[in-house]
């Protein structure tokens, strides 16, 4: 008897918007079509009974939508960041589900009968998370010194606050700007940063797993999910934060009892000594090697670091297989011909 695979595919931001694009509807649908074509290539290789779930980033979209909300505040009330996260889940989920449904019909067989559905879902975080004291997630445009000083004067932003309880009210309101690039390298070295707390659990885990178990291709936890905290009475409320999508993807993999976890990005391999003369691709590494490389600082925070960490967590939890590779190599990576494979 063939064992049914339970696969979570985590898409990077390049699957929806390229760095050099404006992010128009047409551009994003074009990119999603390329993405879904690659996913369809993989589905053709799988058994018709295998279970598939998809999650995705929302970095460019959530930053752009936040700017739209705040710049139009004189015309309509701006929405909070948790609501904006929900908006991007609906936007990107819609694009993927509509486009992938068309490709499933092209595959035929059992895949043509599969339903695809996107879920707007919440992910629990804690206000005790240290990232609320030292926000780390860049969001929105790069800024000049003059633009930053104007935001400080007119909207009450704070620049490079200390990583403690000082300015906590501004930190949880998203009013923090940090210098993220050396001044000598660019005239726009500043960016707004918001908290990026650790995901604790997927609130709608049971519903997502129920659909997944029935063979529905579920798109969920997009952009890391909607960040919420639990009140003393057990109710939930959203917070001004963006959860790392790779870490949240791993929590979703646990929620659906995934056996395989593949993170797709814009590079074919994880690199050791990235950017140095002795840079080299990593074809495979054990959990122990991955943890050592993380500790040695080989993988940047906000880039490859969370991806490797998510794979390590998945395997330690009980997952069987974790892969990091590029979207256009999805089939080759799944077949073990390329990509970085992390094993127990």
C-alpha atoms as a PDB file:
ATOM      1  CA  UNK A   1       0.000   0.000   0.000  1.00  0.00           C
ATOM      2  CA  UNK A   2       1.348   3.426  -1.025  1.00  0.00           C
ATOM      3  CA  UNK A   3       1.672   5.807   1.905  1.00  0.00           C
ATOM      4  CA  UNK A   4      -0.309   9.006   1.500  1.00  0.00           C
ATOM      5  CA  UNK A   5       1.952  12.063   1.608  1.00  0.00           C
ATOM      6  CA  UNK A   6       0.930  15.112   3.611  1.00  0.00           C
ATOM      7  CA  UNK A   7       2.807  18.045   2.091  1.00  0.00           C
ATOM      8  CA  UNK A   8       2.925  21.710   3.082  1.00  0.00           C
ATOM      9  CA  UNK A   9       4.293  24.074   0.434  1.00  0.00           C
ATOM     10  CA  UNK A  10       5.464  27.452   1.775  1.00  0.00           C
ATOM     11  CA  UNK A  11       5.751  30.127  -0.924  1.00  0.00           C
ATOM     12  CA  UNK A  12       8.095  33.101  -0.701  1.00  0.00           C
ATOM     13  CA  UNK A  13       7.244  36.661  -1.633  1.00  0.00           C
ATOM     14  CA  UNK A  14       8.708  36.242  -5.120  1.00  0.00           C
ATOM     15  CA  UNK A  15       5.840  33.875  -5.883  1.00  0.00           C
ATOM     16  CA  UNK A  16       3.454  36.854  -5.901  1.00  0.00           C
ATOM     17  CA  UNK A  17       5.471  40.035  -6.474  1.00  0.00           C
ATOM     18  CA  UNK A  18       8.959  40.514  -7.901  1.00  0.00           C
ATOM     19  CA  UNK A  19      11.295  43.062  -6.330  1.00  0.00           C
ATOM     20  CA  UNK A  20      11.388  45.279  -9.421  1.00  0.00           C
ATOM     21  CA  UNK A  21       7.619  45.378  -9.922  1.00  0.00           C
ATOM     22  CA  UNK A  22       5.030  47.911  -8.791  1.00  0.00           C
ATOM     23  CA  UNK A  23       2.652  45.238  -7.556  1.00  0.00           C
ATOM     24  CA  UNK A  24      -0.299  45.840  -9.874  1.00  0.00           C
ATOM     25  CA  UNK A  25      -3.111  43.315  -9.981  1.00  0.00           C
ATOM     26  CA  UNK A  26      -1.976  42.195 -13.423  1.00  0.00           C
ATOM     27  CA  UNK A  27       1.624  41.679 -12.281  1.00  0.00           C
ATOM     28  CA  UNK A  28       0.601  39.700  -9.239  1.00  0.00           C
ATOM     29  CA  UNK A  29      -1.793  37.450 -11.156  1.00  0.00           C
ATOM     30  CA  UNK A  30       0.949  36.831 -13.730  1.00  0.00           C
ATOM     31  CA  UNK A  31       3.372  35.791 -11.002  1.00  0.00           C
ATOM     32  CA  UNK A  32       0.752  33.615  -9.308  1.00  0.00           C
ATOM     33  CA  UNK A  33       0.117  31.870 -12.641  1.00  0.00           C
ATOM     34  CA  UNK A  34       3.830  31.022 -12.893  1.00  0.00           C
ATOM     35  CA  UNK A  35       3.750  29.777  -9.302  1.00  0.00           C
ATOM     36  CA  UNK A  36       0.663  27.619  -9.787  1.00  0.00           C
ATOM     37  CA  UNK A  37       2.119  26.150 -12.975  1.00  0.00           C
ATOM     38  CA  UNK A  38       5.141  25.006 -10.950  1.00  0.00           C
ATOM     39  CA  UNK A  39       2.906  23.551  -8.224  1.00  0.00           C
ATOM     40  CA  UNK A  40       0.930  21.716 -10.931  1.00  0.00           C
ATOM     41  CA  UNK A  41       4.202  20.202 -12.199  1.00  0.00           C
ATOM     42  CA  UNK A  42       4.704  18.701  -8.760  1.00  0.00           C
ATOM     43  CA  UNK A  43       1.127  17.509  -8.404  1.00  0.00           C
ATOM     44  CA  UNK A  44       1.495  15.505 -11.622  1.00  0.00           C
ATOM     45  CA  UNK A  45       4.302  13.581  -9.920  1.00  0.00           C
ATOM     46  CA  UNK A  46       2.272  12.831  -6.805  1.00  0.00           C
ATOM     47  CA  UNK A  47      -0.380  10.253  -6.086  1.00  0.00           C
ATOM     48  CA  UNK A  48      -3.953  11.424  -6.525  1.00  0.00           C
ATOM     49  CA  UNK A  49      -4.649  10.681  -2.835  1.00  0.00           C
ATOM     50  CA  UNK A  50      -1.808  12.820  -1.484  1.00  0.00           C
ATOM     51  CA  UNK A  51      -2.770  15.814   0.666  1.00  0.00           C
ATOM     52  CA  UNK A  52      -1.511  19.320  -0.172  1.00  0.00           C
ATOM     53  CA  UNK A  53      -1.633  22.595   1.742  1.00  0.00           C
ATOM     54  CA  UNK A  54      -0.140  25.948   0.772  1.00  0.00           C
ATOM     55  CA  UNK A  55       0.995  28.975   2.723  1.00  0.00           C
ATOM     56  CA  UNK A  56       2.554  32.206   1.483  1.00  0.00           C
ATOM     57  CA  UNK A  57       4.264  35.446   2.409  1.00  0.00           C
ATOM     58  CA  UNK A  58       2.694  38.904   2.259  1.00  0.00           C
ATOM     59  CA  UNK A  59       5.644  41.250   2.855  1.00  0.00           C
ATOM     60  CA  UNK A  60       5.215  43.649  -0.073  1.00  0.00           C
ATOM     61  CA  UNK A  61       1.421  43.542   0.059  1.00  0.00           C
ATOM     62  CA  UNK A  62       1.032  44.239   3.778  1.00  0.00           C
ATOM     63  CA  UNK A  63       3.541  47.111   3.611  1.00  0.00           C
ATOM     64  CA  UNK A  64       1.870  48.683   0.592  1.00  0.00           C
ATOM     65  CA  UNK A  65      -1.621  48.310   2.015  1.00  0.00           C
ATOM     66  CA  UNK A  66      -0.566  49.866   5.316  1.00  0.00           C
ATOM     67  CA  UNK A  67       0.767  52.896   3.420  1.00  0.00           C
ATOM     68  CA  UNK A  68      -2.494  53.141   1.453  1.00  0.00           C
ATOM     69  CA  UNK A  69      -4.522  53.040   4.667  1.00  0.00           C
ATOM     70  CA  UNK A  70      -2.493  55.701   6.441  1.00  0.00           C
ATOM     71  CA  UNK A  71      -2.055  58.055   3.484  1.00  0.00           C
ATOM     72  CA  UNK A  72      -5.810  58.052   2.805  1.00  0.00           C
ATOM     73  CA  UNK A  73      -6.717  58.585   6.456  1.00  0.00           C
ATOM     74  CA  UNK A  74      -8.221  62.010   5.708  1.00  0.00           C
ATOM     75  CA  UNK A  75     -10.728  60.358   3.365  1.00  0.00           C
ATOM     76  CA  UNK A  76     -11.520  57.078   5.148  1.00  0.00           C
ATOM     77  CA  UNK A  77     -10.527  55.667   8.564  1.00  0.00           C
ATOM     78  CA  UNK A  78      -7.329  53.576   8.362  1.00  0.00           C
ATOM     79  CA  UNK A  79      -7.532  49.939   9.438  1.00  0.00           C
ATOM     80  CA  UNK A  80      -5.260  48.379  12.058  1.00  0.00           C
ATOM     81  CA  UNK A  81      -2.380  46.130  10.993  1.00  0.00           C
ATOM     82  CA  UNK A  82      -4.094  42.906  12.119  1.00  0.00           C
ATOM     83  CA  UNK A  83      -7.021  43.765   9.839  1.00  0.00           C
ATOM     84  CA  UNK A  84      -4.587  44.576   7.022  1.00  0.00           C
ATOM     85  CA  UNK A  85      -2.997  41.136   7.523  1.00  0.00           C
ATOM     86  CA  UNK A  86      -6.477  39.650   7.079  1.00  0.00           C
ATOM     87  CA  UNK A  87      -6.973  41.703   3.911  1.00  0.00           C
ATOM     88  CA  UNK A  88      -3.771  40.358   2.373  1.00  0.00           C
ATOM     89  CA  UNK A  89      -4.712  36.788   3.276  1.00  0.00           C
ATOM     90  CA  UNK A  90      -7.951  37.242   1.358  1.00  0.00           C
ATOM     91  CA  UNK A  91      -6.258  38.995  -1.568  1.00  0.00           C
ATOM     92  CA  UNK A  92      -3.421  36.525  -2.108  1.00  0.00           C
ATOM     93  CA  UNK A  93      -5.496  33.478  -1.206  1.00  0.00           C
ATOM     94  CA  UNK A  94      -8.068  34.465  -3.815  1.00  0.00           C
ATOM     95  CA  UNK A  95      -5.399  34.827  -6.485  1.00  0.00           C
ATOM     96  CA  UNK A  96      -3.859  31.437  -5.724  1.00  0.00           C
ATOM     97  CA  UNK A  97      -7.098  29.500  -5.388  1.00  0.00           C
ATOM     98  CA  UNK A  98      -8.606  30.863  -8.575  1.00  0.00           C
ATOM     99  CA  UNK A  99      -5.461  30.261 -10.621  1.00  0.00           C
ATOM    100  CA  UNK A 100      -4.645  26.836  -9.166  1.00  0.00           C
ATOM    101  CA  UNK A 101      -8.183  25.594  -9.814  1.00  0.00           C
ATOM    102  CA  UNK A 102      -7.604  26.185 -13.511  1.00  0.00           C
ATOM    103  CA  UNK A 103      -4.351  24.215 -13.467  1.00  0.00           C
ATOM    104  CA  UNK A 104      -5.993  21.316 -11.609  1.00  0.00           C
ATOM    105  CA  UNK A 105      -8.490  20.967 -14.419  1.00  0.00           C
ATOM    106  CA  UNK A 106      -5.556  20.793 -16.826  1.00  0.00           C
ATOM    107  CA  UNK A 107      -3.932  17.986 -14.828  1.00  0.00           C
ATOM    108  CA  UNK A 108      -7.127  15.965 -14.955  1.00  0.00           C
ATOM    109  CA  UNK A 109      -7.858  12.753 -13.065  1.00  0.00           C
ATOM    110  CA  UNK A 110      -8.433  12.994  -9.336  1.00  0.00           C
ATOM    111  CA  UNK A 111      -6.751  16.382  -9.126  1.00  0.00           C
ATOM    112  CA  UNK A 112      -9.440  17.930 -11.344  1.00  0.00           C
ATOM    113  CA  UNK A 113     -12.005  17.071  -8.674  1.00  0.00           C
ATOM    114  CA  UNK A 114     -10.082  18.637  -5.802  1.00  0.00           C
ATOM    115  CA  UNK A 115     -11.406  21.773  -4.162  1.00  0.00           C
ATOM    116  CA  UNK A 116      -9.089  24.692  -3.404  1.00  0.00           C
ATOM    117  CA  UNK A 117      -9.994  27.078  -0.624  1.00  0.00           C
ATOM    118  CA  UNK A 118      -8.210  29.913   1.167  1.00  0.00           C
ATOM    119  CA  UNK A 119      -8.826  30.551   4.844  1.00  0.00           C
ATOM    120  CA  UNK A 120      -8.459  33.822   6.708  1.00  0.00           C
ATOM    121  CA  UNK A 121      -7.046  32.607   9.996  1.00  0.00           C
ATOM    122  CA  UNK A 122      -5.514  33.819  13.241  1.00  0.00           C
ATOM    123  CA  UNK A 123      -2.236  32.831  14.893  1.00  0.00           C
ATOM    124  CA  UNK A 124      -1.737  33.229  18.626  1.00  0.00           C
ATOM    125  CA  UNK A 125       1.230  35.267  19.918  1.00  0.00           C
ATOM    126  CA  UNK A 126       2.170  36.636  23.339  1.00  0.00           C
ATOM    127  CA  UNK A 127       2.643  40.254  24.423  1.00  0.00           C
ATOM    128  CA  UNK A 128       5.514  38.939  26.563  1.00  0.00           C
ATOM    129  CA  UNK A 129       7.433  38.130  23.384  1.00  0.00           C
ATOM    130  CA  UNK A 130      10.729  40.090  23.376  1.00  0.00           C
ATOM    131  CA  UNK A 131      10.081  41.394  19.865  1.00  0.00           C
ATOM    132  CA  UNK A 132       7.428  43.725  21.287  1.00  0.00           C
ATOM    133  CA  UNK A 133      10.283  45.392  23.201  1.00  0.00           C
ATOM    134  CA  UNK A 134      12.608  45.415  20.198  1.00  0.00           C
ATOM    135  CA  UNK A 135      10.581  45.386  16.936  1.00  0.00           C
ATOM    136  CA  UNK A 136      12.506  43.709  14.121  1.00  0.00           C
ATOM    137  CA  UNK A 137      10.278  43.315  11.055  1.00  0.00           C
ATOM    138  CA  UNK A 138      10.959  45.970   8.363  1.00  0.00           C
ATOM    139  CA  UNK A 139       7.829  47.068   6.570  1.00  0.00           C
ATOM    140  CA  UNK A 140       7.055  49.625   3.880  1.00  0.00           C
ATOM    141  CA  UNK A 141       9.432  51.864   1.936  1.00  0.00           C
ATOM    142  CA  UNK A 142      13.042  52.792   2.619  1.00  0.00           C
ATOM    143  CA  UNK A 143      13.267  56.363   3.976  1.00  0.00           C
ATOM    144  CA  UNK A 144      15.663  59.299   3.920  1.00  0.00           C
ATOM    145  CA  UNK A 145      16.739  61.168   7.064  1.00  0.00           C
ATOM    146  CA  UNK A 146      14.470  64.064   6.071  1.00  0.00           C
ATOM    147  CA  UNK A 147      11.451  61.772   5.625  1.00  0.00           C
ATOM    148  CA  UNK A 148      12.111  60.184   9.006  1.00  0.00           C
ATOM    149  CA  UNK A 149      12.403  63.515  10.790  1.00  0.00           C
ATOM    150  CA  UNK A 150       9.091  64.588   9.274  1.00  0.00           C
ATOM    151  CA  UNK A 151       7.415  61.414  10.592  1.00  0.00           C
ATOM    152  CA  UNK A 152       8.883  62.074  14.028  1.00  0.00           C
ATOM    153  CA  UNK A 153       7.563  65.664  14.038  1.00  0.00           C
ATOM    154  CA  UNK A 154       4.151  65.071  12.514  1.00  0.00           C
ATOM    155  CA  UNK A 155       3.185  61.546  13.604  1.00  0.00           C
ATOM    156  CA  UNK A 156       5.177  60.855  16.733  1.00  0.00           C
ATOM    157  CA  UNK A 157       7.534  58.163  15.475  1.00  0.00           C
ATOM    158  CA  UNK A 158      10.656  57.265  17.453  1.00  0.00           C
ATOM    159  CA  UNK A 159      14.041  56.412  15.865  1.00  0.00           C
ATOM    160  CA  UNK A 160      16.175  53.467  17.018  1.00  0.00           C
ATOM    161  CA  UNK A 161      14.620  53.100  20.495  1.00  0.00           C
ATOM    162  CA  UNK A 162      16.453  50.949  23.083  1.00  0.00           C
ATOM    163  CA  UNK A 163      15.421  47.241  23.235  1.00  0.00           C
ATOM    164  CA  UNK A 164      13.529  47.523  26.520  1.00  0.00           C
ATOM    165  CA  UNK A 165      10.265  48.922  27.903  1.00  0.00           C
ATOM    166  CA  UNK A 166      11.143  52.469  26.850  1.00  0.00           C
ATOM    167  CA  UNK A 167       8.651  53.780  24.251  1.00  0.00           C
ATOM    168  CA  UNK A 168       6.579  50.597  24.632  1.00  0.00           C
ATOM    169  CA  UNK A 169       3.420  52.480  23.648  1.00  0.00           C
ATOM    170  CA  UNK A 170       5.020  53.432  20.334  1.00  0.00           C
ATOM    171  CA  UNK A 171       6.447  49.950  19.767  1.00  0.00           C
ATOM    172  CA  UNK A 172       3.062  48.249  20.020  1.00  0.00           C
ATOM    173  CA  UNK A 173       1.504  50.983  17.866  1.00  0.00           C
ATOM    174  CA  UNK A 174       3.974  50.509  14.995  1.00  0.00           C
ATOM    175  CA  UNK A 175       5.614  53.921  15.421  1.00  0.00           C
ATOM    176  CA  UNK A 176       9.253  52.776  15.321  1.00  0.00           C
ATOM    177  CA  UNK A 177      11.865  53.537  12.652  1.00  0.00           C
ATOM    178  CA  UNK A 178      15.301  51.926  12.548  1.00  0.00           C
ATOM    179  CA  UNK A 179      18.379  52.493  10.493  1.00  0.00           C
ATOM    180  CA  UNK A 180      18.743  49.205   8.591  1.00  0.00           C
ATOM    181  CA  UNK A 181      21.506  50.179   6.136  1.00  0.00           C
ATOM    182  CA  UNK A 182      24.791  52.124   6.547  1.00  0.00           C
ATOM    183  CA  UNK A 183      24.383  55.843   5.800  1.00  0.00           C
ATOM    184  CA  UNK A 184      27.327  55.783   3.378  1.00  0.00           C
ATOM    185  CA  UNK A 185      25.704  53.134   1.169  1.00  0.00           C
ATOM    186  CA  UNK A 186      22.328  54.697   0.480  1.00  0.00           C
ATOM    187  CA  UNK A 187      20.429  57.981   0.888  1.00  0.00           C
ATOM    188  CA  UNK A 188      17.499  55.906   2.233  1.00  0.00           C
ATOM    189  CA  UNK A 189      18.917  53.828   5.091  1.00  0.00           C
ATOM    190  CA  UNK A 190      15.811  53.878   7.335  1.00  0.00           C
ATOM    191  CA  UNK A 191      12.690  51.716   7.466  1.00  0.00           C
ATOM    192  CA  UNK A 192       9.706  51.395   9.684  1.00  0.00           C
ATOM    193  CA  UNK A 193       9.803  48.236  11.812  1.00  0.00           C
ATOM    194  CA  UNK A 194       7.017  46.408  13.629  1.00  0.00           C
ATOM    195  CA  UNK A 195       7.061  43.543  16.160  1.00  0.00           C
ATOM    196  CA  UNK A 196       7.454  40.037  14.757  1.00  0.00           C
ATOM    197  CA  UNK A 197       6.551  37.738  17.676  1.00  0.00           C
ATOM    198  CA  UNK A 198       6.944  33.954  17.708  1.00  0.00           C
ATOM    199  CA  UNK A 199       3.833  32.045  16.580  1.00  0.00           C
ATOM    200  CA  UNK A 200       2.390  29.886  19.371  1.00  0.00           C
ATOM    201  CA  UNK A 201      -0.445  28.073  17.638  1.00  0.00           C
ATOM    202  CA  UNK A 202      -2.883  28.326  14.748  1.00  0.00           C
ATOM    203  CA  UNK A 203      -6.292  29.264  16.178  1.00  0.00           C
ATOM    204  CA  UNK A 204      -8.238  27.596  13.356  1.00  0.00           C
ATOM    205  CA  UNK A 205      -6.009  24.481  13.323  1.00  0.00           C
ATOM    206  CA  UNK A 206      -8.851  21.983  13.728  1.00  0.00           C
ATOM    207  CA  UNK A 207     -10.903  23.420  10.865  1.00  0.00           C
ATOM    208  CA  UNK A 208      -7.871  23.582   8.566  1.00  0.00           C
ATOM    209  CA  UNK A 209      -6.926  19.968   9.343  1.00  0.00           C
ATOM    210  CA  UNK A 210     -10.502  18.790   8.810  1.00  0.00           C
ATOM    211  CA  UNK A 211     -10.542  20.254   5.293  1.00  0.00           C
ATOM    212  CA  UNK A 212      -7.017  19.016   4.597  1.00  0.00           C
ATOM    213  CA  UNK A 213      -7.904  15.475   5.685  1.00  0.00           C
ATOM    214  CA  UNK A 214     -10.860  15.531   3.283  1.00  0.00           C
ATOM    215  CA  UNK A 215      -8.504  16.218   0.365  1.00  0.00           C
ATOM    216  CA  UNK A 216      -9.172  19.939   0.039  1.00  0.00           C
ATOM    217  CA  UNK A 217      -6.107  21.939  -1.024  1.00  0.00           C
ATOM    218  CA  UNK A 218      -6.032  24.489   1.785  1.00  0.00           C
ATOM    219  CA  UNK A 219      -4.331  27.891   1.546  1.00  0.00           C
ATOM    220  CA  UNK A 220      -3.888  29.194   5.085  1.00  0.00           C
ATOM    221  CA  UNK A 221      -1.661  31.048   7.546  1.00  0.00           C
ATOM    222  CA  UNK A 222      -0.799  33.475   4.753  1.00  0.00           C
ATOM    223  CA  UNK A 223       1.735  36.125   5.715  1.00  0.00           C
ATOM    224  CA  UNK A 224       2.249  34.343   9.021  1.00  0.00           C
ATOM    225  CA  UNK A 225      -1.438  34.576   9.918  1.00  0.00           C
ATOM    226  CA  UNK A 226      -3.329  37.348  11.700  1.00  0.00           C
ATOM    227  CA  UNK A 227      -1.445  38.058  14.967  1.00  0.00           C
ATOM    228  CA  UNK A 228      -3.749  37.827  17.987  1.00  0.00           C
ATOM    229  CA  UNK A 229      -3.282  37.661  21.764  1.00  0.00           C
ATOM    230  CA  UNK A 230      -5.585  36.084  24.307  1.00  0.00           C
ATOM    231  CA  UNK A 231      -7.333  38.265  26.867  1.00  0.00           C
ATOM    232  CA  UNK A 232      -7.839  37.175  30.476  1.00  0.00           C
ATOM    233  CA  UNK A 233     -11.398  36.029  29.693  1.00  0.00           C
ATOM    234  CA  UNK A 234     -10.184  33.819  26.831  1.00  0.00           C
ATOM    235  CA  UNK A 235     -11.296  36.143  24.034  1.00  0.00           C
ATOM    236  CA  UNK A 236      -8.912  37.179  21.272  1.00  0.00           C
ATOM    237  CA  UNK A 237      -7.782  40.572  19.990  1.00  0.00           C
ATOM    238  CA  UNK A 238      -5.485  41.554  17.173  1.00  0.00           C
ATOM    239  CA  UNK A 239      -2.141  43.286  17.718  1.00  0.00           C
ATOM    240  CA  UNK A 240       0.061  45.554  15.597  1.00  0.00           C
ATOM    241  CA  UNK A 241       2.569  42.969  14.380  1.00  0.00           C
ATOM    242  CA  UNK A 242       3.595  40.752  11.464  1.00  0.00           C
ATOM    243  CA  UNK A 243       4.489  37.120  12.200  1.00  0.00           C
ATOM    244  CA  UNK A 244       7.387  35.553  10.308  1.00  0.00           C
ATOM    245  CA  UNK A 245       5.738  33.445   7.613  1.00  0.00           C
ATOM    246  CA  UNK A 246       8.341  30.637   7.705  1.00  0.00           C
ATOM    247  CA  UNK A 247       7.936  30.096  11.457  1.00  0.00           C
ATOM    248  CA  UNK A 248       4.155  30.269  11.113  1.00  0.00           C
ATOM    249  CA  UNK A 249       4.293  27.810   8.197  1.00  0.00           C
ATOM    250  CA  UNK A 250       5.996  25.304  10.493  1.00  0.00           C
ATOM    251  CA  UNK A 251       3.210  25.708  13.052  1.00  0.00           C
ATOM    252  CA  UNK A 252       0.686  25.063  10.289  1.00  0.00           C
ATOM    253  CA  UNK A 253       2.636  21.948   9.260  1.00  0.00           C
ATOM    254  CA  UNK A 254       2.224  20.683  12.807  1.00  0.00           C
ATOM    255  CA  UNK A 255      -1.483  21.543  12.769  1.00  0.00           C
ATOM    256  CA  UNK A 256      -2.171  19.387   9.705  1.00  0.00           C
ATOM    257  CA  UNK A 257       0.228  16.578  10.712  1.00  0.00           C
ATOM    258  CA  UNK A 258       2.330  17.170   7.605  1.00  0.00           C
ATOM    259  CA  UNK A 259       4.982  14.599   6.781  1.00  0.00           C
ATOM    260  CA  UNK A 260       6.838  16.810   4.298  1.00  0.00           C
ATOM    261  CA  UNK A 261       7.649  20.513   4.342  1.00  0.00           C
ATOM    262  CA  UNK A 262       9.067  22.400   1.363  1.00  0.00           C
ATOM    263  CA  UNK A 263       9.998  26.079   1.524  1.00  0.00           C
ATOM    264  CA  UNK A 264      10.250  27.761  -1.886  1.00  0.00           C
ATOM    265  CA  UNK A 265      12.249  30.942  -2.266  1.00  0.00           C
ATOM    266  CA  UNK A 266      14.335  32.691  -4.951  1.00  0.00           C
ATOM    267  CA  UNK A 267      17.520  30.621  -4.566  1.00  0.00           C
ATOM    268  CA  UNK A 268      18.168  26.984  -5.427  1.00  0.00           C
ATOM    269  CA  UNK A 269      20.284  26.215  -2.358  1.00  0.00           C
ATOM    270  CA  UNK A 270      20.954  27.444   1.144  1.00  0.00           C
ATOM    271  CA  UNK A 271      24.505  28.839   1.042  1.00  0.00           C
ATOM    272  CA  UNK A 272      27.274  28.430   3.579  1.00  0.00           C
ATOM    273  CA  UNK A 273      29.517  31.493   4.016  1.00  0.00           C
ATOM    274  CA  UNK A 274      27.012  33.499   1.997  1.00  0.00           C
ATOM    275  CA  UNK A 275      28.567  36.447   0.134  1.00  0.00           C
ATOM    276  CA  UNK A 276      32.135  35.432   0.946  1.00  0.00           C
ATOM    277  CA  UNK A 277      34.851  34.077  -1.398  1.00  0.00           C
ATOM    278  CA  UNK A 278      34.407  30.595   0.091  1.00  0.00           C
ATOM    279  CA  UNK A 279      30.632  30.579  -0.377  1.00  0.00           C
ATOM    280  CA  UNK A 280      29.246  27.147  -1.250  1.00  0.00           C
ATOM    281  CA  UNK A 281      25.819  25.520  -1.619  1.00  0.00           C
ATOM    282  CA  UNK A 282      24.559  23.107   1.007  1.00  0.00           C
ATOM    283  CA  UNK A 283      23.019  20.041  -0.616  1.00  0.00           C
ATOM    284  CA  UNK A 284      22.095  18.388   2.662  1.00  0.00           C
ATOM    285  CA  UNK A 285      22.642  18.897   6.357  1.00  0.00           C
ATOM    286  CA  UNK A 286      21.600  17.237   9.581  1.00  0.00           C
ATOM    287  CA  UNK A 287      19.615  18.975  12.296  1.00  0.00           C
ATOM    288  CA  UNK A 288      22.805  19.254  14.324  1.00  0.00           C
ATOM    289  CA  UNK A 289      24.703  20.860  11.442  1.00  0.00           C
ATOM    290  CA  UNK A 290      21.848  23.264  10.740  1.00  0.00           C
ATOM    291  CA  UNK A 291      21.736  24.353  14.377  1.00  0.00           C
ATOM    292  CA  UNK A 292      25.496  24.872  14.441  1.00  0.00           C
ATOM    293  CA  UNK A 293      25.414  26.960  11.259  1.00  0.00           C
ATOM    294  CA  UNK A 294      22.554  29.037  12.722  1.00  0.00           C
ATOM    295  CA  UNK A 295      24.525  29.644  15.901  1.00  0.00           C
ATOM    296  CA  UNK A 296      27.584  30.648  13.854  1.00  0.00           C
ATOM    297  CA  UNK A 297      25.513  33.273  11.996  1.00  0.00           C
ATOM    298  CA  UNK A 298      25.694  31.793   8.496  1.00  0.00           C
ATOM    299  CA  UNK A 299      22.004  32.453   7.804  1.00  0.00           C
ATOM    300  CA  UNK A 300      20.700  36.010   8.042  1.00  0.00           C
ATOM    301  CA  UNK A 301      17.729  36.948  10.205  1.00  0.00           C
ATOM    302  CA  UNK A 302      14.772  37.987   8.083  1.00  0.00           C
ATOM    303  CA  UNK A 303      16.146  35.951   5.178  1.00  0.00           C
ATOM    304  CA  UNK A 304      17.473  32.378   5.247  1.00  0.00           C
ATOM    305  CA  UNK A 305      17.699  32.097   9.043  1.00  0.00           C
ATOM    306  CA  UNK A 306      13.959  31.659   9.742  1.00  0.00           C
ATOM    307  CA  UNK A 307      13.662  29.163   6.868  1.00  0.00           C
ATOM    308  CA  UNK A 308      16.363  26.886   8.230  1.00  0.00           C
ATOM    309  CA  UNK A 309      15.016  27.276  11.766  1.00  0.00           C
ATOM    310  CA  UNK A 310      11.497  26.371  10.600  1.00  0.00           C
ATOM    311  CA  UNK A 311      12.800  23.194   8.938  1.00  0.00           C
ATOM    312  CA  UNK A 312      14.706  22.219  12.096  1.00  0.00           C
ATOM    313  CA  UNK A 313      11.606  22.748  14.231  1.00  0.00           C
ATOM    314  CA  UNK A 314       9.505  20.706  11.830  1.00  0.00           C
ATOM    315  CA  UNK A 315      11.853  17.729  11.930  1.00  0.00           C
ATOM    316  CA  UNK A 316      12.202  17.904  15.714  1.00  0.00           C
ATOM    317  CA  UNK A 317       8.426  17.971  16.022  1.00  0.00           C
ATOM    318  CA  UNK A 318       8.136  14.745  14.028  1.00  0.00           C
ATOM    319  CA  UNK A 319       8.161  15.697  10.357  1.00  0.00           C
ATOM    320  CA  UNK A 320       9.879  13.302   7.980  1.00  0.00           C
ATOM    321  CA  UNK A 321      11.357  15.562   5.311  1.00  0.00           C
ATOM    322  CA  UNK A 322      12.268  19.265   4.924  1.00  0.00           C
ATOM    323  CA  UNK A 323      13.509  20.975   1.761  1.00  0.00           C
ATOM    324  CA  UNK A 324      14.508  24.543   0.838  1.00  0.00           C
ATOM    325  CA  UNK A 325      14.865  25.428  -2.846  1.00  0.00           C
ATOM    326  CA  UNK A 326      13.675  27.761  -5.591  1.00  0.00           C
ATOM    327  CA  UNK A 327      10.173  27.822  -6.988  1.00  0.00           C
ATOM    328  CA  UNK A 328      11.274  26.903 -10.510  1.00  0.00           C
ATOM    329  CA  UNK A 329      13.061  23.804  -9.163  1.00  0.00           C
ATOM    330  CA  UNK A 330      10.147  22.461  -7.125  1.00  0.00           C
ATOM    331  CA  UNK A 331       9.952  19.092  -8.898  1.00  0.00           C
ATOM    332  CA  UNK A 332      13.695  18.582  -9.085  1.00  0.00           C
ATOM    333  CA  UNK A 333      14.068  19.478  -5.405  1.00  0.00           C
ATOM    334  CA  UNK A 334      11.246  17.161  -4.388  1.00  0.00           C
ATOM    335  CA  UNK A 335      12.903  14.340  -6.336  1.00  0.00           C
ATOM    336  CA  UNK A 336      16.180  14.991  -4.517  1.00  0.00           C
ATOM    337  CA  UNK A 337      18.056  16.263  -7.576  1.00  0.00           C
ATOM    338  CA  UNK A 338      18.641  19.762  -6.219  1.00  0.00           C
ATOM    339  CA  UNK A 339      17.819  22.020  -3.274  1.00  0.00           C
ATOM    340  CA  UNK A 340      18.918  21.850   0.358  1.00  0.00           C
ATOM    341  CA  UNK A 341      17.631  18.830   2.238  1.00  0.00           C
ATOM    342  CA  UNK A 342      17.650  18.827   6.038  1.00  0.00           C
ATOM    343  CA  UNK A 343      17.392  15.471   7.797  1.00  0.00           C
ATOM    344  CA  UNK A 344      17.289  14.011  11.296  1.00  0.00           C
END
